[in-house]
């Protein structure tokens, strides 16, 4: 998956060397729920891999709620996904430690 703040590009890699572009979807809860149902209709166990970034934490949580695996594959490494509380604290903490320019 390639995640952007306005859209997610989805591909299905069901087997070795098999990749099917499923297209773009929106980023709302309803869009993600629809994608989850669509993928669950194709397979019993789903594992997703996506580009890590600030847009991905919420998506990770939605996939875990739907009992999808979110892990590394090949050259990709899993990253720590902060809790919602940790994520909310991150920006004020970064502002506090940032050098002051006057």
C-alpha atoms as a PDB file:
ATOM      1  CA  UNK A   1       0.000   0.000   0.000  1.00  0.00           C
ATOM      2  CA  UNK A   2       1.106   3.520  -0.703  1.00  0.00           C
ATOM      3  CA  UNK A   3      -0.464   5.934   1.750  1.00  0.00           C
ATOM      4  CA  UNK A   4      -1.076   9.618   1.126  1.00  0.00           C
ATOM      5  CA  UNK A   5      -3.161  11.930   3.280  1.00  0.00           C
ATOM      6  CA  UNK A   6      -5.971  11.905   0.671  1.00  0.00           C
ATOM      7  CA  UNK A   7      -5.744   8.397  -0.806  1.00  0.00           C
ATOM      8  CA  UNK A   8      -4.326   4.909  -0.459  1.00  0.00           C
ATOM      9  CA  UNK A   9      -3.121   2.881  -3.430  1.00  0.00           C
ATOM     10  CA  UNK A  10      -3.779  -0.814  -2.825  1.00  0.00           C
ATOM     11  CA  UNK A  11      -2.197  -3.856  -4.460  1.00  0.00           C
ATOM     12  CA  UNK A  12      -2.715  -7.550  -3.732  1.00  0.00           C
ATOM     13  CA  UNK A  13       0.316  -9.845  -3.695  1.00  0.00           C
ATOM     14  CA  UNK A  14      -1.368 -13.185  -3.021  1.00  0.00           C
ATOM     15  CA  UNK A  15       1.490 -15.374  -4.164  1.00  0.00           C
ATOM     16  CA  UNK A  16       5.125 -15.240  -5.229  1.00  0.00           C
ATOM     17  CA  UNK A  17       5.424 -12.997  -8.256  1.00  0.00           C
ATOM     18  CA  UNK A  18       1.694 -12.267  -8.311  1.00  0.00           C
ATOM     19  CA  UNK A  19       0.753  -8.610  -7.868  1.00  0.00           C
ATOM     20  CA  UNK A  20      -2.631  -7.164  -8.753  1.00  0.00           C
ATOM     21  CA  UNK A  21      -3.258  -3.428  -8.530  1.00  0.00           C
ATOM     22  CA  UNK A  22      -6.611  -2.976  -6.801  1.00  0.00           C
ATOM     23  CA  UNK A  23      -6.684   0.799  -7.265  1.00  0.00           C
ATOM     24  CA  UNK A  24      -7.003   3.861  -5.048  1.00  0.00           C
ATOM     25  CA  UNK A  25      -9.343   4.286  -2.118  1.00  0.00           C
ATOM     26  CA  UNK A  26     -10.107   7.163   0.218  1.00  0.00           C
ATOM     27  CA  UNK A  27      -8.795   7.431   3.752  1.00  0.00           C
ATOM     28  CA  UNK A  28     -12.013   7.613   5.765  1.00  0.00           C
ATOM     29  CA  UNK A  29     -13.048   4.957   8.290  1.00  0.00           C
ATOM     30  CA  UNK A  30     -15.752   3.795   5.860  1.00  0.00           C
ATOM     31  CA  UNK A  31     -13.200   3.467   3.028  1.00  0.00           C
ATOM     32  CA  UNK A  32     -10.879   1.371   5.215  1.00  0.00           C
ATOM     33  CA  UNK A  33     -13.745  -0.793   6.491  1.00  0.00           C
ATOM     34  CA  UNK A  34     -14.853  -1.452   2.903  1.00  0.00           C
ATOM     35  CA  UNK A  35     -11.275  -2.380   1.931  1.00  0.00           C
ATOM     36  CA  UNK A  36     -11.028  -4.748   4.910  1.00  0.00           C
ATOM     37  CA  UNK A  37     -14.245  -6.524   3.929  1.00  0.00           C
ATOM     38  CA  UNK A  38     -13.046  -6.737   0.320  1.00  0.00           C
ATOM     39  CA  UNK A  39      -9.722  -8.276   1.341  1.00  0.00           C
ATOM     40  CA  UNK A  40     -11.299 -10.632   3.882  1.00  0.00           C
ATOM     41  CA  UNK A  41     -13.492 -12.017   1.090  1.00  0.00           C
ATOM     42  CA  UNK A  42     -10.319 -13.019  -0.793  1.00  0.00           C
ATOM     43  CA  UNK A  43      -8.419 -14.784   1.981  1.00  0.00           C
ATOM     44  CA  UNK A  44      -8.738 -16.070   5.511  1.00  0.00           C
ATOM     45  CA  UNK A  45      -5.510 -14.514   6.808  1.00  0.00           C
ATOM     46  CA  UNK A  46      -4.464 -11.053   5.629  1.00  0.00           C
ATOM     47  CA  UNK A  47      -1.074  -9.485   6.235  1.00  0.00           C
ATOM     48  CA  UNK A  48      -0.541  -5.915   5.078  1.00  0.00           C
ATOM     49  CA  UNK A  49       2.643  -4.028   4.387  1.00  0.00           C
ATOM     50  CA  UNK A  50       2.645  -0.297   3.791  1.00  0.00           C
ATOM     51  CA  UNK A  51       4.944   2.670   3.590  1.00  0.00           C
ATOM     52  CA  UNK A  52       5.659   3.902   7.110  1.00  0.00           C
ATOM     53  CA  UNK A  53       4.907   7.515   7.862  1.00  0.00           C
ATOM     54  CA  UNK A  54       2.677   9.755   9.959  1.00  0.00           C
ATOM     55  CA  UNK A  55      -0.410   8.777   7.941  1.00  0.00           C
ATOM     56  CA  UNK A  56       0.187   5.101   8.661  1.00  0.00           C
ATOM     57  CA  UNK A  57      -0.244   4.897  12.440  1.00  0.00           C
ATOM     58  CA  UNK A  58      -4.025   5.232  12.393  1.00  0.00           C
ATOM     59  CA  UNK A  59      -4.248   2.854   9.450  1.00  0.00           C
ATOM     60  CA  UNK A  60      -2.156   0.311  11.360  1.00  0.00           C
ATOM     61  CA  UNK A  61      -4.570   0.503  14.288  1.00  0.00           C
ATOM     62  CA  UNK A  62      -7.564  -0.014  11.970  1.00  0.00           C
ATOM     63  CA  UNK A  63      -5.971  -3.096  10.388  1.00  0.00           C
ATOM     64  CA  UNK A  64      -5.117  -4.589  13.776  1.00  0.00           C
ATOM     65  CA  UNK A  65      -8.731  -4.027  14.897  1.00  0.00           C
ATOM     66  CA  UNK A  66      -9.825  -6.022  11.845  1.00  0.00           C
ATOM     67  CA  UNK A  67      -7.397  -8.815  12.841  1.00  0.00           C
ATOM     68  CA  UNK A  68      -5.000  -8.202   9.962  1.00  0.00           C
ATOM     69  CA  UNK A  69      -1.310  -8.837  10.390  1.00  0.00           C
ATOM     70  CA  UNK A  70       0.938  -5.808   9.882  1.00  0.00           C
ATOM     71  CA  UNK A  71       4.548  -6.912   9.602  1.00  0.00           C
ATOM     72  CA  UNK A  72       7.740  -6.704   7.563  1.00  0.00           C
ATOM     73  CA  UNK A  73       8.273  -8.441   4.239  1.00  0.00           C
ATOM     74  CA  UNK A  74      11.487  -8.863   2.288  1.00  0.00           C
ATOM     75  CA  UNK A  75      13.567  -5.705   2.494  1.00  0.00           C
ATOM     76  CA  UNK A  76      11.010  -3.863   4.644  1.00  0.00           C
ATOM     77  CA  UNK A  77      11.393  -3.541   8.408  1.00  0.00           C
ATOM     78  CA  UNK A  78       8.594  -3.200  10.909  1.00  0.00           C
ATOM     79  CA  UNK A  79       8.515   0.057  12.854  1.00  0.00           C
ATOM     80  CA  UNK A  80       7.218   0.809  16.334  1.00  0.00           C
ATOM     81  CA  UNK A  81       3.686   2.197  16.181  1.00  0.00           C
ATOM     82  CA  UNK A  82       3.056   4.517  19.118  1.00  0.00           C
ATOM     83  CA  UNK A  83      -0.133   4.398  21.121  1.00  0.00           C
ATOM     84  CA  UNK A  84      -2.636   7.183  20.427  1.00  0.00           C
ATOM     85  CA  UNK A  85      -1.592   8.876  23.704  1.00  0.00           C
ATOM     86  CA  UNK A  86       2.112   8.719  22.787  1.00  0.00           C
ATOM     87  CA  UNK A  87       1.390  10.065  19.329  1.00  0.00           C
ATOM     88  CA  UNK A  88      -0.666  12.965  20.749  1.00  0.00           C
ATOM     89  CA  UNK A  89       2.222  13.866  23.075  1.00  0.00           C
ATOM     90  CA  UNK A  90       4.849  13.742  20.299  1.00  0.00           C
ATOM     91  CA  UNK A  91       4.261  17.143  18.661  1.00  0.00           C
ATOM     92  CA  UNK A  92       4.167  19.204  21.883  1.00  0.00           C
ATOM     93  CA  UNK A  93       7.285  17.344  23.070  1.00  0.00           C
ATOM     94  CA  UNK A  94       9.132  18.088  19.822  1.00  0.00           C
ATOM     95  CA  UNK A  95       8.143  21.750  20.036  1.00  0.00           C
ATOM     96  CA  UNK A  96       9.418  21.928  23.596  1.00  0.00           C
ATOM     97  CA  UNK A  97      12.890  20.543  22.725  1.00  0.00           C
ATOM     98  CA  UNK A  98      13.247  22.343  19.368  1.00  0.00           C
ATOM     99  CA  UNK A  99      15.850  25.114  19.278  1.00  0.00           C
ATOM    100  CA  UNK A 100      14.333  28.548  19.654  1.00  0.00           C
ATOM    101  CA  UNK A 101      15.049  30.968  16.819  1.00  0.00           C
ATOM    102  CA  UNK A 102      14.576  34.648  17.440  1.00  0.00           C
END
